[in-house]
PDB file of all heavy atoms in Angstrom:
ATOM      1  N   GLU A   1      94.043  50.278 142.728  1.00  0.00           N
ATOM      2  CA  GLU A   1      94.650  49.249 143.542  1.00  0.00           C
ATOM      3  C   GLU A   1      93.568  48.336 144.096  1.00  0.00           C
ATOM      4  O   GLU A   1      92.544  48.777 144.611  1.00  0.00           O
ATOM      5  CB  GLU A   1      95.431  49.886 144.693  1.00  0.00           C
ATOM      6  CG  GLU A   1      96.680  50.602 144.231  1.00  0.00           C
ATOM      7  CD  GLU A   1      97.459  51.152 145.420  1.00  0.00           C
ATOM      8  OE1 GLU A   1      97.035  50.894 146.563  1.00  0.00           O
ATOM      9  OE2 GLU A   1      98.471  51.815 145.192  1.00  0.00           O
ATOM     10  N   GLY A   2      93.836  47.043 144.005  1.00  0.00           N
ATOM     11  CA  GLY A   2      92.908  46.088 144.569  1.00  0.00           C
ATOM     12  C   GLY A   2      91.711  45.806 143.688  1.00  0.00           C
ATOM     13  O   GLY A   2      90.799  45.102 144.086  1.00  0.00           O
ATOM     14  N   VAL A   3      91.659  46.383 142.484  1.00  0.00           N
ATOM     15  CA  VAL A   3      90.545  46.157 141.571  1.00  0.00           C
ATOM     16  C   VAL A   3      91.080  45.515 140.317  1.00  0.00           C
ATOM     17  O   VAL A   3      92.090  45.960 139.763  1.00  0.00           O
ATOM     18  CB  VAL A   3      89.836  47.489 141.221  1.00  0.00           C
ATOM     19  CG1 VAL A   3      88.667  47.227 140.291  1.00  0.00           C
ATOM     20  CG2 VAL A   3      89.375  48.181 142.487  1.00  0.00           C
ATOM     21  N   GLU A   4      90.401  44.483 139.827  1.00  0.00           N
ATOM     22  CA  GLU A   4      90.866  43.805 138.631  1.00  0.00           C
ATOM     23  C   GLU A   4      90.699  44.699 137.418  1.00  0.00           C
ATOM     24  O   GLU A   4      89.809  45.528 137.345  1.00  0.00           O
ATOM     25  CB  GLU A   4      90.066  42.518 138.427  1.00  0.00           C
ATOM     26  CG  GLU A   4      90.292  41.481 139.538  1.00  0.00           C
ATOM     27  CD  GLU A   4      89.530  40.200 139.255  1.00  0.00           C
ATOM     28  OE1 GLU A   4      88.834  40.153 138.219  1.00  0.00           O
ATOM     29  OE2 GLU A   4      89.632  39.271 140.053  1.00  0.00           O
ATOM     30  N   ASP A   5      91.598  44.510 136.410  1.00  0.00           N
ATOM     31  CA  ASP A   5      91.523  45.281 135.173  1.00  0.00           C
ATOM     32  C   ASP A   5      90.205  45.002 134.465  1.00  0.00           C
ATOM     33  O   ASP A   5      89.719  43.871 134.409  1.00  0.00           O
ATOM     34  CB  ASP A   5      92.681  44.917 134.237  1.00  0.00           C
ATOM     35  CG  ASP A   5      94.012  45.390 134.795  1.00  0.00           C
ATOM     36  OD1 ASP A   5      93.978  46.154 135.771  1.00  0.00           O
ATOM     37  OD2 ASP A   5      95.055  44.974 134.260  1.00  0.00           O
ATOM     38  N   VAL A   6      89.638  46.066 133.936  1.00  0.00           N
ATOM     39  CA  VAL A   6      88.407  45.937 133.162  1.00  0.00           C
ATOM     40  C   VAL A   6      88.770  45.862 131.693  1.00  0.00           C
ATOM     41  O   VAL A   6      89.571  46.674 131.216  1.00  0.00           O
ATOM     42  CB  VAL A   6      87.480  47.152 133.413  1.00  0.00           C
ATOM     43  CG1 VAL A   6      86.213  47.034 132.587  1.00  0.00           C
ATOM     44  CG2 VAL A   6      87.169  47.252 134.893  1.00  0.00           C
ATOM     45  N   PRO A   7      88.203  44.938 130.927  1.00  0.00           N
ATOM     46  CA  PRO A   7      88.535  44.839 129.504  1.00  0.00           C
ATOM     47  C   PRO A   7      88.257  46.155 128.790  1.00  0.00           C
ATOM     48  O   PRO A   7      87.251  46.816 129.037  1.00  0.00           O
ATOM     49  CB  PRO A   7      87.595  43.721 129.002  1.00  0.00           C
ATOM     50  CG  PRO A   7      87.261  42.923 130.232  1.00  0.00           C
ATOM     51  CD  PRO A   7      87.256  43.889 131.350  1.00  0.00           C
ATOM     52  N   VAL A   8      89.168  46.513 127.910  1.00  0.00           N
ATOM     53  CA  VAL A   8      89.053  47.763 127.174  1.00  0.00           C
ATOM     54  C   VAL A   8      88.431  47.509 125.807  1.00  0.00           C
ATOM     55  O   VAL A   8      88.810  46.573 125.107  1.00  0.00           O
ATOM     56  CB  VAL A   8      90.439  48.412 126.989  1.00  0.00           C
ATOM     57  CG1 VAL A   8      90.310  49.703 126.184  1.00  0.00           C
ATOM     58  CG2 VAL A   8      91.076  48.694 128.335  1.00  0.00           C
ATOM     59  N   LYS A   9      87.464  48.340 125.456  1.00  0.00           N
ATOM     60  CA  LYS A   9      86.802  48.200 124.168  1.00  0.00           C
ATOM     61  C   LYS A   9      87.794  48.426 123.038  1.00  0.00           C
ATOM     62  O   LYS A   9      88.639  49.311 123.102  1.00  0.00           O
ATOM     63  CB  LYS A   9      85.668  49.249 124.078  1.00  0.00           C
ATOM     64  CG  LYS A   9      84.880  49.179 122.786  1.00  0.00           C
ATOM     65  CD  LYS A   9      83.830  50.267 122.737  1.00  0.00           C
ATOM     66  CE  LYS A   9      84.451  51.643 122.598  1.00  0.00           C
ATOM     67  NZ  LYS A   9      83.444  52.702 122.406  1.00  0.00           N
ATOM     68  N   GLN A  10      87.682  47.616 121.995  1.00  0.00           N
ATOM     69  CA  GLN A  10      88.578  47.735 120.848  1.00  0.00           C
ATOM     70  C   GLN A  10      88.311  49.050 120.138  1.00  0.00           C
ATOM     71  O   GLN A  10      87.191  49.313 119.691  1.00  0.00           O
ATOM     72  CB  GLN A  10      88.359  46.559 119.889  1.00  0.00           C
ATOM     73  CG  GLN A  10      89.323  46.542 118.698  1.00  0.00           C
ATOM     74  CD  GLN A  10      90.761  46.334 119.127  1.00  0.00           C
ATOM     75  OE1 GLN A  10      91.033  45.619 120.082  1.00  0.00           O
ATOM     76  NE2 GLN A  10      91.681  46.990 118.448  1.00  0.00           N
ATOM     77  N   GLU A  11      89.324  49.882 120.010  1.00  0.00           N
ATOM     78  CA  GLU A  11      89.173  51.190 119.372  1.00  0.00           C
ATOM     79  C   GLU A  11      89.779  51.162 117.980  1.00  0.00           C
ATOM     80  O   GLU A  11      90.554  50.269 117.632  1.00  0.00           O
ATOM     81  CB  GLU A  11      89.873  52.268 120.215  1.00  0.00           C
ATOM     82  CG  GLU A  11      89.329  52.425 121.624  1.00  0.00           C
ATOM     83  CD  GLU A  11      88.026  53.212 121.672  1.00  0.00           C
ATOM     84  OE1 GLU A  11      87.407  53.416 120.616  1.00  0.00           O
ATOM     85  OE2 GLU A  11      87.625  53.606 122.784  1.00  0.00           O
ATOM     86  N   LYS A  12      89.415  52.159 117.186  1.00  0.00           N
ATOM     87  CA  LYS A  12      90.018  52.298 115.868  1.00  0.00           C
ATOM     88  C   LYS A  12      91.515  52.553 116.001  1.00  0.00           C
ATOM     89  O   LYS A  12      91.960  53.210 116.944  1.00  0.00           O
ATOM     90  CB  LYS A  12      89.382  53.473 115.114  1.00  0.00           C
ATOM     91  CG  LYS A  12      87.975  53.227 114.620  1.00  0.00           C
ATOM     92  CD  LYS A  12      87.497  54.432 113.827  1.00  0.00           C
ATOM     93  CE  LYS A  12      86.099  54.218 113.275  1.00  0.00           C
ATOM     94  NZ  LYS A  12      85.620  55.401 112.500  1.00  0.00           N
ATOM     95  N   SER A  13      92.272  52.047 115.036  1.00  0.00           N
ATOM     96  CA  SER A  13      93.698  52.325 115.026  1.00  0.00           C
ATOM     97  C   SER A  13      93.921  53.748 114.546  1.00  0.00           C
ATOM     98  O   SER A  13      93.037  54.383 113.955  1.00  0.00           O
ATOM     99  CB  SER A  13      94.431  51.341 114.110  1.00  0.00           C
ATOM    100  OG  SER A  13      94.063  51.567 112.755  1.00  0.00           O
ATOM    101  N   PHE A  14      95.125  54.255 114.786  1.00  0.00           N
ATOM    102  CA  PHE A  14      95.453  55.609 114.344  1.00  0.00           C
ATOM    103  C   PHE A  14      95.342  55.711 112.822  1.00  0.00           C
ATOM    104  O   PHE A  14      94.854  56.708 112.286  1.00  0.00           O
ATOM    105  CB  PHE A  14      96.868  55.956 114.812  1.00  0.00           C
ATOM    106  CG  PHE A  14      97.321  57.343 114.438  1.00  0.00           C
ATOM    107  CD1 PHE A  14      96.562  58.453 114.745  1.00  0.00           C
ATOM    108  CD2 PHE A  14      98.526  57.529 113.766  1.00  0.00           C
ATOM    109  CE1 PHE A  14      96.983  59.732 114.404  1.00  0.00           C
ATOM    110  CE2 PHE A  14      98.953  58.796 113.422  1.00  0.00           C
ATOM    111  CZ  PHE A  14      98.177  59.901 113.743  1.00  0.00           C
ATOM    112  N   ARG A  15      95.771  54.666 112.127  1.00  0.00           N
ATOM    113  CA  ARG A  15      95.702  54.671 110.666  1.00  0.00           C
ATOM    114  C   ARG A  15      94.254  54.722 110.177  1.00  0.00           C
ATOM    115  O   ARG A  15      93.937  55.438 109.219  1.00  0.00           O
ATOM    116  CB  ARG A  15      96.397  53.428 110.116  1.00  0.00           C
ATOM    117  CG  ARG A  15      96.451  53.369 108.581  1.00  0.00           C
ATOM    118  CD  ARG A  15      97.213  52.153 108.089  1.00  0.00           C
ATOM    119  NE  ARG A  15      97.309  52.140 106.640  1.00  0.00           N
ATOM    120  CZ  ARG A  15      96.355  51.675 105.842  1.00  0.00           C
ATOM    121  NH1 ARG A  15      95.238  51.188 106.367  1.00  0.00           N
ATOM    122  NH2 ARG A  15      96.499  51.697 104.530  1.00  0.00           N
ATOM    123  N   GLU A  16      93.373  53.978 110.840  1.00  0.00           N
ATOM    124  CA  GLU A  16      91.958  53.999 110.463  1.00  0.00           C
ATOM    125  C   GLU A  16      91.354  55.388 110.667  1.00  0.00           C
ATOM    126  O   GLU A  16      90.498  55.827 109.887  1.00  0.00           O
ATOM    127  CB  GLU A  16      91.190  52.959 111.283  1.00  0.00           C
ATOM    128  CG  GLU A  16      91.477  51.522 110.881  1.00  0.00           C
ATOM    129  CD  GLU A  16      90.791  50.519 111.795  1.00  0.00           C
ATOM    130  OE1 GLU A  16      90.700  50.812 113.021  1.00  0.00           O
ATOM    131  OE2 GLU A  16      90.379  49.463 111.310  1.00  0.00           O
ATOM    132  N   CYS A  17      91.803  56.067 111.715  1.00  0.00           N
ATOM    133  CA  CYS A  17      91.337  57.439 111.950  1.00  0.00           C
ATOM    134  C   CYS A  17      91.727  58.351 110.788  1.00  0.00           C
ATOM    135  O   CYS A  17      90.923  59.161 110.314  1.00  0.00           O
ATOM    136  CB  CYS A  17      91.913  57.984 113.249  1.00  0.00           C
ATOM    137  SG  CYS A  17      91.321  57.163 114.751  1.00  0.00           S
ATOM    138  N   LEU A  18      92.960  58.211 110.330  1.00  0.00           N
ATOM    139  CA  LEU A  18      93.460  59.079 109.263  1.00  0.00           C
ATOM    140  C   LEU A  18      92.785  58.802 107.923  1.00  0.00           C
ATOM    141  O   LEU A  18      92.696  59.692 107.068  1.00  0.00           O
ATOM    142  CB  LEU A  18      94.978  58.919 109.108  1.00  0.00           C
ATOM    143  CG  LEU A  18      95.833  59.203 110.346  1.00  0.00           C
ATOM    144  CD1 LEU A  18      97.308  59.218 109.968  1.00  0.00           C
ATOM    145  CD2 LEU A  18      95.439  60.521 110.987  1.00  0.00           C
ATOM    146  N   MET A  19      92.332  57.561 107.726  1.00  0.00           N
ATOM    147  CA  MET A  19      91.713  57.190 106.455  1.00  0.00           C
ATOM    148  C   MET A  19      90.223  57.491 106.413  1.00  0.00           C
ATOM    149  O   MET A  19      89.576  57.317 105.380  1.00  0.00           O
ATOM    150  CB  MET A  19      91.930  55.689 106.196  1.00  0.00           C
ATOM    151  CG  MET A  19      93.386  55.271 106.084  1.00  0.00           C
ATOM    152  SD  MET A  19      94.267  56.095 104.736  1.00  0.00           S
ATOM    153  CE  MET A  19      93.436  55.374 103.318  1.00  0.00           C
ATOM    154  N   SER A  20      89.660  57.953 107.518  1.00  0.00           N
ATOM    155  CA  SER A  20      88.221  58.214 107.566  1.00  0.00           C
ATOM    156  C   SER A  20      87.873  59.528 106.882  1.00  0.00           C
ATOM    157  O   SER A  20      88.683  60.452 106.800  1.00  0.00           O
ATOM    158  CB  SER A  20      87.742  58.251 109.018  1.00  0.00           C
ATOM    159  OG  SER A  20      88.288  59.372 109.698  1.00  0.00           O
ATOM    160  N   ARG A  21      86.648  59.600 106.387  1.00  0.00           N
ATOM    161  CA  ARG A  21      86.206  60.842 105.735  1.00  0.00           C
ATOM    162  C   ARG A  21      86.039  61.962 106.755  1.00  0.00           C
ATOM    163  O   ARG A  21      86.125  63.146 106.410  1.00  0.00           O
ATOM    164  CB  ARG A  21      84.910  60.613 104.963  1.00  0.00           C
ATOM    165  CG  ARG A  21      83.703  60.263 105.815  1.00  0.00           C
ATOM    166  CD  ARG A  21      82.461  60.128 104.940  1.00  0.00           C
ATOM    167  NE  ARG A  21      81.277  59.815 105.735  1.00  0.00           N
ATOM    168  CZ  ARG A  21      80.057  59.661 105.219  1.00  0.00           C
ATOM    169  NH1 ARG A  21      79.887  59.798 103.920  1.00  0.00           N
ATOM    170  NH2 ARG A  21      79.040  59.386 106.000  1.00  0.00           N
ATOM    171  N   PHE A  22      85.758  61.597 108.018  1.00  0.00           N
ATOM    172  CA  PHE A  22      85.692  62.622 109.057  1.00  0.00           C
ATOM    173  C   PHE A  22      87.001  63.392 109.129  1.00  0.00           C
ATOM    174  O   PHE A  22      87.020  64.628 109.219  1.00  0.00           O
ATOM    175  CB  PHE A  22      85.420  61.983 110.421  1.00  0.00           C
ATOM    176  CG  PHE A  22      83.983  61.600 110.646  1.00  0.00           C
ATOM    177  CD1 PHE A  22      83.608  60.899 111.786  1.00  0.00           C
ATOM    178  CD2 PHE A  22      83.002  61.933 109.727  1.00  0.00           C
ATOM    179  CE1 PHE A  22      82.288  60.555 112.005  1.00  0.00           C
ATOM    180  CE2 PHE A  22      81.679  61.595 109.927  1.00  0.00           C
ATOM    181  CZ  PHE A  22      81.319  60.890 111.067  1.00  0.00           C
ATOM    182  N   PHE A  23      88.112  62.665 109.108  1.00  0.00           N
ATOM    183  CA  PHE A  23      89.427  63.299 109.211  1.00  0.00           C
ATOM    184  C   PHE A  23      89.680  64.210 108.013  1.00  0.00           C
ATOM    185  O   PHE A  23      90.097  65.370 108.171  1.00  0.00           O
ATOM    186  CB  PHE A  23      90.520  62.232 109.305  1.00  0.00           C
ATOM    187  CG  PHE A  23      91.916  62.788 109.380  1.00  0.00           C
ATOM    188  CD1 PHE A  23      92.456  63.189 110.598  1.00  0.00           C
ATOM    189  CD2 PHE A  23      92.687  62.933 108.233  1.00  0.00           C
ATOM    190  CE1 PHE A  23      93.736  63.718 110.670  1.00  0.00           C
ATOM    191  CE2 PHE A  23      93.964  63.450 108.297  1.00  0.00           C
ATOM    192  CZ  PHE A  23      94.489  63.844 109.516  1.00  0.00           C
ATOM    193  N   VAL A  24      89.427  63.697 106.807  1.00  0.00           N
ATOM    194  CA  VAL A  24      89.720  64.449 105.575  1.00  0.00           C
ATOM    195  C   VAL A  24      88.918  65.745 105.518  1.00  0.00           C
ATOM    196  O   VAL A  24      89.477  66.839 105.311  1.00  0.00           O
ATOM    197  CB  VAL A  24      89.423  63.588 104.337  1.00  0.00           C
ATOM    198  CG1 VAL A  24      89.569  64.420 103.058  1.00  0.00           C
ATOM    199  CG2 VAL A  24      90.366  62.392 104.289  1.00  0.00           C
ATOM    200  N   TRP A  25      87.602  65.636 105.724  1.00  0.00           N
ATOM    201  CA  TRP A  25      86.778  66.828 105.597  1.00  0.00           C
ATOM    202  C   TRP A  25      86.941  67.786 106.762  1.00  0.00           C
ATOM    203  O   TRP A  25      86.740  68.991 106.610  1.00  0.00           O
ATOM    204  CB  TRP A  25      85.309  66.449 105.427  1.00  0.00           C
ATOM    205  CG  TRP A  25      85.029  65.905 104.064  1.00  0.00           C
ATOM    206  CD1 TRP A  25      84.575  64.667 103.737  1.00  0.00           C
ATOM    207  CD2 TRP A  25      85.218  66.600 102.817  1.00  0.00           C
ATOM    208  NE1 TRP A  25      84.478  64.543 102.374  1.00  0.00           N
ATOM    209  CE2 TRP A  25      84.859  65.714 101.784  1.00  0.00           C
ATOM    210  CE3 TRP A  25      85.674  67.874 102.478  1.00  0.00           C
ATOM    211  CZ2 TRP A  25      84.926  66.059 100.440  1.00  0.00           C
ATOM    212  CZ3 TRP A  25      85.742  68.232 101.137  1.00  0.00           C
ATOM    213  CH2 TRP A  25      85.376  67.337 100.137  1.00  0.00           C
ATOM    214  N   HIS A  26      87.349  67.252 107.915  1.00  0.00           N
ATOM    215  CA  HIS A  26      87.612  68.150 109.039  1.00  0.00           C
ATOM    216  C   HIS A  26      88.877  68.967 108.782  1.00  0.00           C
ATOM    217  O   HIS A  26      88.944  70.149 109.156  1.00  0.00           O
ATOM    218  CB  HIS A  26      87.759  67.354 110.344  1.00  0.00           C
ATOM    219  CG  HIS A  26      87.708  68.210 111.563  1.00  0.00           C
ATOM    220  ND1 HIS A  26      86.583  68.907 111.963  1.00  0.00           N
ATOM    221  CD2 HIS A  26      88.663  68.532 112.488  1.00  0.00           C
ATOM    222  CE1 HIS A  26      86.832  69.586 113.055  1.00  0.00           C
ATOM    223  NE2 HIS A  26      88.089  69.380 113.401  1.00  0.00           N
TER     224      HIS A  26
END
């Protein structure tokens, strides 16, 4: 309250997460 919103860093989409090799090999 009383504090302006801080811009949020652009994150990977859920689809991009699923297409990553990290996801597959994990």
